[in-house]
Amino acid sequence: MSHLGPDQTRTKILLAAAAEIHRQGFQAASIAHILADTGLTKGALYHHFPSKQALGLAVVDEVVLIGLEARLLTPLREADEPLDTLLAYMDSRIHVMTDDAFKLGCPLNNLVQEMSLVDDEFKAHLDHILQTWQAVIEHTLIRGQEQHRIRGDVDCNAAALFIVSAWEGCWGMAKNRQSAHTFRLCMTQLQQFVLSLAPRA
C-alpha cells in the first residue's frame, strides 16, 4: 500500500505517464505499464485522472509545458538581456546533446506529430505550448530591438515563428537520423540566423 500523499501520488502518476508516452506515444501508451511503474492501483490513478485522455492532457500541461518553462521560457522572461540567454541556451544544446537524447525524440514534437490530426483537444493544448514559446521568443527579439541588438526592420513575430519551427525541425531530423551531429549542425545554423538579425555594421 502506498503511503504517499495525494499530491505525491498524482505527481508520481504524471511522471510515469510522461515517460510511457515518450516511449510509446500517447495512443499506444499502456495504463497497465504506468501502474506497474508506479506500484499504484487503477483506482488511485482514476481518482486523480478520470480518463486516459485527462492524464495525457495533464502530461502536456504539467510536464511538457512546465519543463519548457523551467529550462527556457522563464529564464528568457526574467533576463535583463534575454537575447544573450537565448543564444547561451542554444549554445548549451549544441554542445551537450548526445545521440542518446534522440532515441525517443522531443516529447512536444512527438505529440504534435501524433495527435494534432486526431484529437482537437490535444491539438489545442499543444498549440498553446507552441504559441507560448513563440511569444516568449518574440518578446526576446523585441527586447533585442530595444537594446539595439536586433535590427528595427525585423518582423519579430515572423522570426519567432521561424525559430520555434526550425528548432522543432532540428529535433525531428536528429530523431530520424538518431544523430546528435545532425542536431548540432541544424542548431548551429539556427543560432547563426539569430545572430544575423543584428544591425549591419
Protein backbone atom coordinates (compact mmCIF):
# COMPACT_ATOMS: atom_id res chain seq x y z
CA MET A 1 0.00 0.00 0.00
CA SER A 2 1.30 3.44 -0.90
CA HIS A 3 2.00 5.91 1.88
CA LEU A 4 2.32 8.84 -0.47
CA GLY A 5 0.14 11.89 0.00
CA PRO A 6 -2.38 12.83 -2.71
CA ASP A 7 -0.08 15.38 -4.36
CA GLN A 8 2.87 12.99 -4.34
CA THR A 9 0.72 10.22 -5.77
CA ARG A 10 -0.54 12.48 -8.55
CA THR A 11 3.00 13.61 -9.40
CA LYS A 12 4.25 10.02 -9.43
CA ILE A 13 1.50 9.05 -11.88
CA LEU A 14 2.19 12.09 -14.07
CA LEU A 15 5.90 11.40 -14.35
CA ALA A 16 5.36 7.71 -15.08
CA ALA A 17 2.77 8.59 -17.70
CA ALA A 18 5.09 11.14 -19.28
CA ALA A 19 7.83 8.51 -19.57
CA GLU A 20 5.44 5.93 -21.02
CA ILE A 21 4.04 8.42 -23.56
CA HIS A 22 7.57 9.45 -24.52
CA ARG A 23 8.48 5.81 -25.15
CA GLN A 24 5.30 4.64 -26.85
CA GLY A 25 3.34 7.69 -27.98
CA PHE A 26 0.00 8.61 -26.41
CA GLN A 27 -2.23 6.23 -28.32
CA ALA A 28 -0.04 3.19 -27.65
CA ALA A 29 0.72 4.18 -24.05
CA SER A 30 -0.39 1.50 -21.59
CA ILE A 31 -2.20 2.27 -18.36
CA ALA A 32 -1.03 -1.14 -17.14
CA HIS A 33 2.60 -0.15 -17.70
CA ILE A 34 2.07 3.16 -15.88
CA LEU A 35 0.56 1.32 -12.92
CA ALA A 36 3.41 -1.21 -12.93
CA ASP A 37 5.96 1.60 -12.95
CA THR A 38 4.30 3.38 -10.04
CA GLY A 39 3.14 0.39 -7.99
CA LEU A 40 -0.25 2.07 -7.67
CA THR A 41 -3.74 0.75 -8.25
CA LYS A 42 -6.05 1.60 -11.12
CA GLY A 43 -8.35 3.21 -8.56
CA ALA A 44 -5.57 5.54 -7.42
CA LEU A 45 -4.90 6.59 -11.00
CA TYR A 46 -8.52 7.21 -11.90
CA HIS A 47 -9.04 9.11 -8.63
CA HIS A 48 -6.67 11.76 -9.97
CA PHE A 49 -7.29 11.38 -13.71
CA PRO A 50 -10.79 10.27 -14.77
CA SER A 51 -9.63 9.06 -18.19
CA LYS A 52 -6.53 8.32 -20.24
CA GLN A 53 -7.32 11.49 -22.17
CA ALA A 54 -7.28 13.58 -18.99
CA LEU A 55 -3.97 12.01 -17.99
CA GLY A 56 -2.45 12.73 -21.39
CA LEU A 57 -3.55 16.36 -21.34
CA ALA A 58 -2.15 16.75 -17.83
CA VAL A 59 1.20 15.44 -19.11
CA VAL A 60 1.12 18.07 -21.86
CA ASP A 61 0.25 20.91 -19.47
CA GLU A 62 2.14 19.92 -16.35
CA VAL A 63 5.18 18.05 -17.63
CA VAL A 64 5.92 19.15 -21.20
CA LEU A 65 4.98 22.82 -20.79
CA ILE A 66 6.34 23.19 -17.26
CA GLY A 67 9.60 21.58 -18.34
CA LEU A 68 9.96 24.04 -21.22
CA GLU A 69 9.10 26.89 -18.87
CA ALA A 70 11.78 25.86 -16.39
CA ARG A 71 14.52 25.25 -18.97
CA LEU A 72 13.99 28.16 -21.30
CA LEU A 73 10.90 30.35 -21.11
CA THR A 74 11.14 31.59 -17.52
CA PRO A 75 14.87 32.40 -17.82
CA LEU A 76 14.12 34.36 -21.00
CA ARG A 77 11.30 36.30 -19.33
CA GLU A 78 13.44 37.15 -16.31
CA ALA A 79 16.70 38.03 -18.09
CA ASP A 80 17.88 41.61 -18.38
CA GLU A 81 19.33 40.71 -21.76
CA PRO A 82 17.21 37.79 -22.95
CA LEU A 83 18.96 37.62 -26.32
CA ASP A 84 22.15 36.55 -24.55
CA THR A 85 20.17 34.00 -22.56
CA LEU A 86 18.64 32.58 -25.75
CA LEU A 87 22.00 32.34 -27.54
CA ALA A 88 23.65 30.77 -24.49
CA TYR A 89 20.88 28.18 -24.18
CA MET A 90 21.16 27.32 -27.86
CA ASP A 91 24.92 27.02 -27.44
CA SER A 92 24.46 24.66 -24.48
CA ARG A 93 22.14 22.44 -26.55
CA ILE A 94 24.68 22.37 -29.38
CA HIS A 95 27.48 21.23 -27.10
CA VAL A 96 25.87 18.87 -24.58
CA MET A 97 23.38 16.78 -26.55
CA THR A 98 24.41 13.18 -27.29
CA ASP A 99 22.98 10.52 -29.60
CA ASP A 100 21.08 9.00 -26.65
CA ALA A 101 18.97 12.16 -26.39
CA PHE A 102 17.45 11.48 -29.80
CA LYS A 103 16.42 7.85 -29.38
CA LEU A 104 12.91 8.92 -28.42
CA GLY A 105 12.89 12.48 -29.74
CA CYS A 106 11.33 15.64 -28.36
CA PRO A 107 8.16 14.91 -26.31
CA LEU A 108 6.43 18.02 -27.65
CA ASN A 109 7.35 17.33 -31.27
CA ASN A 110 6.32 13.68 -30.95
CA LEU A 111 2.88 14.59 -29.64
CA VAL A 112 2.33 17.31 -32.23
CA GLN A 113 3.06 14.81 -34.99
CA GLU A 114 0.92 12.08 -33.44
CA MET A 115 -2.10 13.89 -32.05
CA SER A 116 -2.76 17.14 -33.92
CA LEU A 117 -4.82 15.50 -36.65
CA VAL A 118 -6.68 13.03 -34.46
CA ASP A 119 -7.72 14.97 -31.36
CA ASP A 120 -8.77 18.61 -31.28
CA GLU A 121 -8.31 18.95 -27.52
CA PHE A 122 -4.75 17.69 -27.70
CA LYS A 123 -4.16 19.98 -30.66
CA ALA A 124 -5.34 23.00 -28.65
CA HIS A 125 -3.16 22.17 -25.64
CA LEU A 126 -0.11 21.52 -27.81
CA ASP A 127 -0.69 24.70 -29.79
CA HIS A 128 -0.84 26.62 -26.51
CA ILE A 129 2.72 25.47 -25.78
CA LEU A 130 3.92 26.41 -29.26
CA GLN A 131 2.22 29.80 -29.12
CA THR A 132 3.64 30.47 -25.65
CA TRP A 133 7.13 29.55 -26.86
CA GLN A 134 6.75 31.75 -29.93
CA ALA A 135 5.50 34.68 -27.83
CA VAL A 136 8.47 34.47 -25.47
CA ILE A 137 10.93 34.33 -28.38
CA GLU A 138 9.14 37.29 -29.98
CA HIS A 139 9.47 39.26 -26.74
CA THR A 140 13.17 38.32 -26.61
CA LEU A 141 13.67 39.73 -30.11
CA ILE A 142 11.68 42.88 -29.32
CA ARG A 143 13.87 43.44 -26.26
CA GLY A 144 16.84 42.94 -28.56
CA GLN A 145 15.49 45.73 -30.78
CA GLU A 146 15.06 47.99 -27.76
CA GLN A 147 18.68 47.28 -26.81
CA HIS A 148 19.81 47.96 -30.42
CA ARG A 149 20.97 44.38 -30.88
CA ILE A 150 18.27 43.35 -33.36
CA ARG A 151 17.55 45.40 -36.49
CA GLY A 152 14.43 47.53 -36.37
CA ASP A 153 13.15 46.15 -39.67
CA VAL A 154 12.98 42.57 -38.34
CA ASP A 155 9.44 41.19 -38.07
CA CYS A 156 9.85 39.72 -34.59
CA ASN A 157 6.63 37.70 -34.72
CA ALA A 158 7.57 36.03 -38.01
CA ALA A 159 11.17 35.48 -36.89
CA ALA A 160 9.96 33.89 -33.66
CA LEU A 161 7.66 31.57 -35.61
CA PHE A 162 10.60 30.53 -37.78
CA ILE A 163 12.89 29.97 -34.79
CA VAL A 164 10.41 27.71 -32.97
CA SER A 165 9.56 25.83 -36.18
CA ALA A 166 13.22 25.31 -37.07
CA TRP A 167 14.09 24.28 -33.50
CA GLU A 168 11.45 21.54 -33.57
CA GLY A 169 12.57 20.60 -37.07
CA CYS A 170 16.11 20.11 -35.78
CA TRP A 171 14.72 17.66 -33.23
CA GLY A 172 12.76 15.80 -35.88
CA MET A 173 15.72 15.43 -38.22
CA ALA A 174 18.01 14.32 -35.38
CA LYS A 175 15.48 11.73 -34.20
CA ASN A 176 15.02 10.32 -37.69
CA ARG A 177 18.79 10.04 -38.16
CA GLN A 178 19.46 9.16 -34.49
CA SER A 179 22.23 11.72 -34.67
CA ALA A 180 23.36 14.41 -32.28
CA HIS A 181 25.66 15.60 -35.06
CA THR A 182 22.62 16.41 -37.20
CA PHE A 183 21.10 18.36 -34.31
CA ARG A 184 24.31 20.30 -33.75
CA LEU A 185 24.58 21.25 -37.42
CA CYS A 186 20.96 22.35 -37.56
CA MET A 187 21.02 24.29 -34.28
CA THR A 188 24.27 25.99 -35.25
CA GLN A 189 22.58 27.31 -38.38
CA LEU A 190 19.60 28.46 -36.32
CA GLN A 191 21.93 30.24 -33.93
CA GLN A 192 23.59 31.90 -36.94
CA PHE A 193 20.16 33.04 -38.11
CA VAL A 194 19.53 34.75 -34.76
CA LEU A 195 22.95 36.42 -34.94
CA SER A 196 22.19 37.59 -38.49
CA LEU A 197 19.33 39.71 -37.14
CA ALA A 198 21.86 42.10 -35.57
CA PRO A 199 22.23 45.62 -37.00
CA ARG A 200 24.50 45.74 -40.01
CA ALA A 201 27.88 47.33 -39.43
